[in-house]
N, C-alpha and C. Protein backbone atom coordinates (compact mmCIF):
# COMPACT_ATOMS: atom_id res chain seq x y z
N MET A 1 0.77 -1.11 -0.09
CA MET A 1 0.00 -0.02 0.07
C MET A 1 0.80 1.38 0.03
N THR A 2 0.58 2.34 -0.82
CA THR A 2 1.30 3.46 -0.91
C THR A 2 0.37 4.38 0.12
N ILE A 3 1.24 5.01 0.86
CA ILE A 3 0.51 6.00 1.90
C ILE A 3 0.83 7.29 1.43
N GLU A 4 -0.24 8.15 1.37
CA GLU A 4 -0.09 9.68 1.11
C GLU A 4 -0.86 10.55 1.90
N LEU A 5 -0.42 11.73 2.25
CA LEU A 5 -1.25 12.52 3.05
C LEU A 5 -2.30 13.17 2.24
N ASN A 6 -3.50 12.99 2.63
CA ASN A 6 -4.83 13.35 1.81
C ASN A 6 -5.22 14.75 2.10
N HIS A 7 -5.18 15.12 3.47
CA HIS A 7 -5.84 16.34 3.66
C HIS A 7 -5.29 16.71 4.99
N THR A 8 -5.34 17.93 5.29
CA THR A 8 -4.95 18.47 6.65
C THR A 8 -5.78 19.76 6.90
N ILE A 9 -6.28 19.86 8.28
CA ILE A 9 -6.99 20.95 8.74
C ILE A 9 -6.16 22.12 8.93
N VAL A 10 -6.52 23.37 8.43
CA VAL A 10 -5.91 24.55 8.64
C VAL A 10 -6.88 25.50 9.30
N ALA A 11 -6.58 25.84 10.55
CA ALA A 11 -7.57 26.68 11.16
C ALA A 11 -7.29 28.13 10.61
N SER A 12 -8.55 28.85 10.53
CA SER A 12 -8.49 30.18 9.91
C SER A 12 -9.58 30.96 10.57
N HIS A 13 -9.50 32.20 10.47
CA HIS A 13 -10.61 33.15 11.08
C HIS A 13 -11.81 33.28 10.08
N ASP A 14 -11.58 32.93 8.75
CA ASP A 14 -12.55 32.98 7.71
C ASP A 14 -12.28 31.95 6.76
N ASN A 15 -13.02 30.82 6.76
CA ASN A 15 -12.49 29.69 5.96
C ASN A 15 -12.41 30.07 4.36
N ALA A 16 -13.47 30.55 3.92
CA ALA A 16 -13.74 30.88 2.69
C ALA A 16 -12.71 32.02 2.05
N ALA A 17 -12.49 32.92 2.90
CA ALA A 17 -11.43 33.95 2.48
C ALA A 17 -10.16 33.41 2.52
N SER A 18 -9.77 32.51 3.43
CA SER A 18 -8.58 31.88 3.49
C SER A 18 -8.28 31.04 2.23
N ALA A 19 -9.39 30.23 1.89
CA ALA A 19 -9.17 29.36 0.63
C ALA A 19 -9.05 30.43 -0.74
N ARG A 20 -9.77 31.45 -0.61
CA ARG A 20 -9.53 32.31 -1.86
C ARG A 20 -8.03 32.96 -1.96
N PHE A 21 -7.63 33.17 -0.61
CA PHE A 21 -6.33 33.78 -0.56
C PHE A 21 -5.19 32.69 -1.22
N TYR A 22 -5.45 31.52 -0.91
CA TYR A 22 -4.44 30.43 -1.28
C TYR A 22 -4.72 30.13 -2.82
N GLN A 23 -6.02 30.06 -3.11
CA GLN A 23 -6.37 30.02 -4.72
C GLN A 23 -5.62 31.12 -5.64
N GLU A 24 -5.72 32.40 -5.04
CA GLU A 24 -5.13 33.42 -5.80
C GLU A 24 -3.66 33.47 -5.83
N LEU A 25 -3.16 33.28 -4.57
CA LEU A 25 -1.57 33.20 -4.49
C LEU A 25 -0.87 32.17 -5.11
N PHE A 26 -1.33 30.96 -4.82
CA PHE A 26 -0.81 29.76 -5.24
C PHE A 26 -1.31 29.04 -6.58
N GLY A 27 -2.53 29.45 -6.75
CA GLY A 27 -3.18 28.75 -7.91
C GLY A 27 -3.74 27.52 -7.42
N PHE A 28 -4.06 27.14 -6.22
CA PHE A 28 -4.65 25.98 -5.86
C PHE A 28 -6.24 26.03 -6.21
N GLU A 29 -6.72 24.81 -6.38
CA GLU A 29 -8.20 24.75 -6.77
C GLU A 29 -9.17 24.91 -5.59
N TYR A 30 -10.13 25.86 -5.69
CA TYR A 30 -11.03 26.03 -4.77
C TYR A 30 -12.57 25.93 -5.36
N ASP A 31 -13.40 25.05 -5.14
CA ASP A 31 -14.56 24.79 -5.68
C ASP A 31 -15.70 25.05 -4.84
N GLY A 32 -15.49 25.91 -3.57
CA GLY A 32 -16.58 26.14 -2.68
C GLY A 32 -16.41 25.17 -1.45
N PRO A 33 -17.42 25.55 -0.44
CA PRO A 33 -17.32 24.73 0.83
C PRO A 33 -17.55 23.38 0.49
N LEU A 34 -16.98 22.52 1.46
CA LEU A 34 -17.43 21.10 1.59
C LEU A 34 -17.79 20.82 3.24
N GLY A 35 -19.12 20.91 3.38
CA GLY A 35 -19.64 20.88 4.60
C GLY A 35 -19.19 22.17 5.38
N HIS A 36 -18.61 22.21 6.51
CA HIS A 36 -18.17 23.37 7.05
C HIS A 36 -16.56 23.82 6.85
N PHE A 37 -16.02 22.97 5.87
CA PHE A 37 -14.79 23.15 5.46
C PHE A 37 -14.65 24.02 4.10
N ALA A 38 -13.47 24.65 3.84
CA ALA A 38 -13.34 25.35 2.53
C ALA A 38 -12.01 24.82 2.13
N PRO A 39 -12.09 23.67 1.29
CA PRO A 39 -10.86 23.04 0.95
C PRO A 39 -10.26 23.60 -0.36
N VAL A 40 -8.92 23.69 -0.34
CA VAL A 40 -8.23 23.89 -1.52
C VAL A 40 -7.45 22.69 -1.96
N ARG A 41 -7.31 22.39 -3.16
CA ARG A 41 -6.59 21.04 -3.72
C ARG A 41 -5.32 21.63 -4.34
N ILE A 42 -4.24 21.14 -4.13
CA ILE A 42 -3.02 21.17 -4.73
C ILE A 42 -3.17 20.48 -5.96
N ALA A 43 -3.02 20.99 -7.11
CA ALA A 43 -3.39 20.44 -8.45
C ALA A 43 -2.65 19.09 -8.70
N ASN A 44 -1.35 18.91 -8.49
CA ASN A 44 -0.62 17.84 -8.88
C ASN A 44 -0.45 16.85 -7.82
N GLN A 45 -1.39 16.86 -6.67
CA GLN A 45 -1.53 15.97 -5.63
C GLN A 45 -2.81 15.65 -5.29
N SER A 46 -3.05 14.77 -4.36
CA SER A 46 -4.34 14.44 -3.83
C SER A 46 -4.61 15.14 -2.56
N LEU A 47 -3.63 16.02 -2.13
CA LEU A 47 -3.75 16.67 -0.86
C LEU A 47 -4.53 17.94 -1.11
N THR A 48 -5.57 18.12 0.00
CA THR A 48 -6.24 19.42 0.19
C THR A 48 -5.88 19.95 1.57
N LEU A 49 -5.90 21.36 1.51
CA LEU A 49 -5.71 22.03 2.86
C LEU A 49 -7.30 22.41 3.14
N ASP A 50 -7.84 21.95 4.29
CA ASP A 50 -9.22 22.11 4.62
C ASP A 50 -9.28 23.11 5.69
N PHE A 51 -9.65 24.45 5.18
CA PHE A 51 -9.68 25.57 6.04
C PHE A 51 -11.00 25.38 7.01
N ASP A 52 -10.81 25.68 8.20
CA ASP A 52 -11.83 25.54 9.17
C ASP A 52 -11.89 26.78 10.03
N THR A 53 -13.03 27.48 10.03
CA THR A 53 -13.17 28.76 10.74
C THR A 53 -13.11 28.31 12.27
N ARG A 54 -12.27 29.12 12.96
CA ARG A 54 -12.15 28.95 14.46
C ARG A 54 -11.85 30.44 15.00
N GLU A 55 -12.30 30.41 16.26
CA GLU A 55 -12.03 31.67 16.84
C GLU A 55 -10.62 31.91 17.39
N HIS A 56 -10.08 30.77 18.06
CA HIS A 56 -8.76 30.85 18.68
C HIS A 56 -7.93 29.64 17.99
N PHE A 57 -6.65 29.92 17.69
CA PHE A 57 -5.75 29.02 17.22
C PHE A 57 -4.48 29.39 17.39
N SER A 58 -3.33 28.52 17.21
CA SER A 58 -2.03 28.91 17.12
C SER A 58 -1.60 28.87 15.72
N ALA A 59 -0.62 29.87 15.44
CA ALA A 59 -0.40 29.87 13.96
C ALA A 59 0.64 28.71 13.78
N GLN A 60 0.59 28.21 12.40
CA GLN A 60 1.55 27.17 12.08
C GLN A 60 2.46 27.58 11.02
N HIS A 61 3.21 26.55 10.51
CA HIS A 61 4.15 26.99 9.46
C HIS A 61 3.94 25.88 8.28
N TYR A 62 3.90 26.34 7.08
CA TYR A 62 3.51 25.57 5.91
C TYR A 62 4.50 25.94 4.99
N ALA A 63 5.20 25.00 4.49
CA ALA A 63 6.25 25.11 3.53
C ALA A 63 5.99 24.58 2.16
N PHE A 64 6.17 25.26 1.05
CA PHE A 64 5.74 24.74 -0.33
C PHE A 64 7.06 24.84 -1.09
N LYS A 65 7.32 23.64 -1.72
CA LYS A 65 8.59 23.47 -2.54
C LYS A 65 7.93 23.84 -3.95
N VAL A 66 8.53 24.76 -4.68
CA VAL A 66 8.09 25.35 -5.97
C VAL A 66 9.28 25.30 -7.01
N SER A 67 8.94 25.39 -8.20
CA SER A 67 10.03 25.53 -9.29
C SER A 67 10.61 27.03 -9.26
N GLU A 68 11.61 27.25 -9.98
CA GLU A 68 12.06 28.69 -10.01
C GLU A 68 11.05 29.58 -10.65
N ALA A 69 10.42 29.02 -11.72
CA ALA A 69 9.39 29.94 -12.37
C ALA A 69 8.19 30.28 -11.34
N GLU A 70 7.75 29.19 -10.61
CA GLU A 70 6.69 29.16 -9.68
C GLU A 70 7.11 30.30 -8.61
N PHE A 71 8.37 30.15 -8.15
CA PHE A 71 8.75 31.15 -7.12
C PHE A 71 8.58 32.56 -7.43
N ASP A 72 9.11 32.80 -8.85
CA ASP A 72 8.92 34.16 -9.37
C ASP A 72 7.43 34.67 -9.44
N GLU A 73 6.68 33.75 -9.90
CA GLU A 73 5.25 34.12 -10.13
C GLU A 73 4.55 34.45 -8.50
N ILE A 74 4.88 33.59 -7.71
CA ILE A 74 4.18 33.60 -6.33
C ILE A 74 4.80 34.67 -5.59
N PHE A 75 6.00 35.00 -5.68
CA PHE A 75 6.80 35.97 -4.80
C PHE A 75 6.43 37.26 -5.46
N GLY A 76 6.17 37.46 -6.88
CA GLY A 76 5.67 38.65 -7.42
C GLY A 76 4.42 38.94 -6.87
N LYS A 77 3.44 37.94 -6.55
CA LYS A 77 2.10 38.23 -6.01
C LYS A 77 2.32 38.69 -4.57
N VAL A 78 3.18 38.24 -3.87
CA VAL A 78 3.49 38.57 -2.52
C VAL A 78 3.83 40.08 -2.46
N ARG A 79 4.70 40.32 -3.22
CA ARG A 79 5.13 41.77 -3.44
C ARG A 79 4.08 42.74 -3.89
N GLU A 80 3.29 42.28 -4.81
CA GLU A 80 2.24 43.09 -5.33
C GLU A 80 1.01 43.36 -4.25
N ARG A 81 0.92 42.37 -3.49
CA ARG A 81 -0.11 42.56 -2.35
C ARG A 81 0.52 43.37 -1.07
N GLY A 82 1.84 43.67 -1.26
CA GLY A 82 2.45 44.42 -0.08
C GLY A 82 2.55 43.55 1.03
N LEU A 83 2.68 42.25 0.99
CA LEU A 83 2.82 41.47 2.15
C LEU A 83 4.39 41.60 2.60
N ALA A 84 4.44 41.57 4.16
CA ALA A 84 5.81 41.58 4.47
C ALA A 84 6.27 40.16 4.27
N TYR A 85 7.65 40.29 3.88
CA TYR A 85 8.46 38.92 3.76
C TYR A 85 9.84 38.92 4.39
N GLY A 86 10.39 37.91 4.39
CA GLY A 86 11.75 37.74 4.79
C GLY A 86 12.66 36.44 4.59
N SER A 87 13.65 36.53 5.08
CA SER A 87 14.68 35.43 4.59
C SER A 87 14.59 34.16 5.56
N GLY A 88 14.00 34.20 6.60
CA GLY A 88 13.96 33.11 7.61
C GLY A 88 12.83 33.01 8.41
N PRO A 89 12.72 32.05 9.21
CA PRO A 89 11.53 31.79 10.01
C PRO A 89 11.53 32.82 11.13
N MET A 90 12.66 33.15 11.56
CA MET A 90 12.98 34.27 12.65
C MET A 90 13.05 35.55 12.23
N THR A 91 13.02 35.67 10.84
CA THR A 91 13.24 37.09 10.21
C THR A 91 12.12 37.25 9.06
N PRO A 92 11.02 36.94 9.50
CA PRO A 92 9.85 36.85 8.30
C PRO A 92 9.61 38.24 7.70
N GLU A 93 10.11 39.27 8.32
CA GLU A 93 9.70 40.74 7.84
C GLU A 93 11.02 41.38 7.43
N ASP A 94 12.30 40.75 7.14
CA ASP A 94 13.50 41.72 6.92
C ASP A 94 13.52 42.15 5.42
N GLY A 95 12.61 41.76 4.63
CA GLY A 95 12.53 42.19 3.25
C GLY A 95 13.64 41.59 2.39
N GLU A 96 14.00 40.45 2.79
CA GLU A 96 15.16 39.77 2.06
C GLU A 96 14.60 38.29 1.72
N THR A 97 15.23 37.67 0.78
CA THR A 97 15.00 36.20 0.46
C THR A 97 16.49 35.40 0.72
N ASN A 98 16.40 34.14 0.80
CA ASN A 98 17.49 33.32 1.05
C ASN A 98 18.03 32.70 -0.16
N THR A 99 19.16 32.07 -0.05
CA THR A 99 19.76 31.14 -1.07
C THR A 99 20.25 29.94 -0.54
N TRP A 100 19.55 29.49 0.52
CA TRP A 100 19.97 28.13 1.22
C TRP A 100 20.08 26.99 0.23
N ASN A 101 21.03 26.22 0.37
CA ASN A 101 21.20 24.97 -0.39
C ASN A 101 21.29 25.24 -1.85
N GLY A 102 21.62 26.36 -2.33
CA GLY A 102 21.76 26.74 -3.84
C GLY A 102 20.41 27.07 -4.45
N GLY A 103 19.38 27.33 -3.60
CA GLY A 103 18.03 27.54 -4.17
C GLY A 103 17.55 28.96 -3.71
N ARG A 104 16.41 29.23 -3.70
CA ARG A 104 15.89 30.32 -3.17
C ARG A 104 14.54 30.04 -2.12
N GLY A 105 14.48 30.91 -1.24
CA GLY A 105 13.56 30.81 -0.32
C GLY A 105 13.04 32.22 0.21
N VAL A 106 11.77 32.12 0.84
CA VAL A 106 11.33 33.33 1.31
C VAL A 106 10.10 32.95 2.26
N TYR A 107 9.86 33.75 3.31
CA TYR A 107 8.91 33.47 4.31
C TYR A 107 7.87 34.64 4.33
N PHE A 108 6.63 34.53 4.56
CA PHE A 108 5.71 35.51 4.77
C PHE A 108 4.49 34.94 5.49
N ARG A 109 3.47 35.83 5.90
CA ARG A 109 2.37 35.31 6.65
C ARG A 109 1.09 35.45 5.80
N ASP A 110 0.20 34.34 6.00
CA ASP A 110 -1.19 34.50 5.42
C ASP A 110 -1.97 35.25 6.37
N PRO A 111 -3.32 35.64 5.85
CA PRO A 111 -4.12 36.50 6.66
C PRO A 111 -4.40 35.95 8.16
N ASN A 112 -4.18 34.68 8.39
CA ASN A 112 -4.49 34.22 9.65
C ASN A 112 -3.27 34.14 10.60
N GLY A 113 -2.10 34.48 10.07
CA GLY A 113 -0.96 34.70 10.85
C GLY A 113 -0.09 33.35 10.57
N HIS A 114 -0.57 32.46 9.82
CA HIS A 114 0.37 31.23 9.54
C HIS A 114 1.61 31.70 8.76
N LEU A 115 2.83 31.06 9.19
CA LEU A 115 3.95 31.30 8.48
C LEU A 115 4.01 30.54 7.18
N LEU A 116 4.13 31.12 6.04
CA LEU A 116 4.29 30.32 4.80
C LEU A 116 5.78 30.40 4.37
N GLU A 117 6.13 29.46 3.70
CA GLU A 117 7.48 29.42 3.31
C GLU A 117 7.48 28.74 1.83
N LEU A 118 8.14 29.69 0.85
CA LEU A 118 8.52 29.02 -0.38
C LEU A 118 9.85 28.68 -0.56
N LEU A 119 10.29 27.50 -1.22
CA LEU A 119 11.64 26.99 -1.27
C LEU A 119 11.68 26.25 -2.61
N THR A 120 12.86 26.45 -3.20
CA THR A 120 13.08 25.90 -4.58
C THR A 120 13.94 24.67 -4.36
N ARG A 121 14.63 24.37 -3.28
CA ARG A 121 15.40 23.12 -3.12
C ARG A 121 15.14 22.66 -1.76
N ASP A 122 15.19 21.31 -1.75
CA ASP A 122 15.03 20.52 -0.48
C ASP A 122 16.13 20.90 0.53
N TYR A 123 15.74 20.85 1.77
CA TYR A 123 16.67 21.04 2.73
C TYR A 123 17.55 19.62 2.79
N THR A 124 18.88 19.80 3.24
CA THR A 124 19.75 18.68 3.34
C THR A 124 20.30 18.67 4.77
N ALA A 125 20.76 17.45 5.33
CA ALA A 125 21.46 17.31 6.67
C ALA A 125 22.59 18.15 6.79
N GLU A 126 23.39 18.34 5.51
CA GLU A 126 24.66 19.09 5.42
C GLU A 126 24.24 20.63 5.92
N GLN A 127 23.19 21.02 5.54
CA GLN A 127 22.80 22.45 5.93
C GLN A 127 22.75 22.74 7.44
N PHE A 128 22.42 21.59 8.30
CA PHE A 128 22.10 21.80 9.68
C PHE A 128 23.18 21.06 10.39
N LYS A 129 24.36 20.65 9.86
CA LYS A 129 25.25 19.87 10.76
C LYS A 129 25.85 20.78 11.93
N ASP A 130 25.99 21.93 11.70
CA ASP A 130 26.39 22.79 12.72
C ASP A 130 25.52 23.24 13.92
N ASN A 131 24.12 22.75 13.56
CA ASN A 131 23.02 22.99 14.46
C ASN A 131 22.81 21.79 15.28
N ARG A 132 23.56 20.82 15.48
CA ARG A 132 23.10 19.53 16.15
C ARG A 132 23.61 19.72 17.51
């Protein structure tokens, strides 16, 4: 049996508005509510992010690996929207990007405060060998 992640619940202040944000920024598919969830489907996967409206929740971190062209397109939308962005998880508003592992990366927050990451290269153990 092949195991794959099918969906995950993402807490939000407004599930439909959150789904539209991800649809517009990332190009994910949003076809409207499914029960009390507002799911967006990542097109080349069976994975959905199921937004669930809640009053209180802790912000989470969601990282998306993208191609160089997708990075340019999405990062352009981040800048067009005037979203604060940064080079690392502890510096998400320094106005910089990173070039970790020979790729590009950037961090920014969605309207719910979740920290989003775009990266063009996978992390490697070598990158973190000094942090053990």
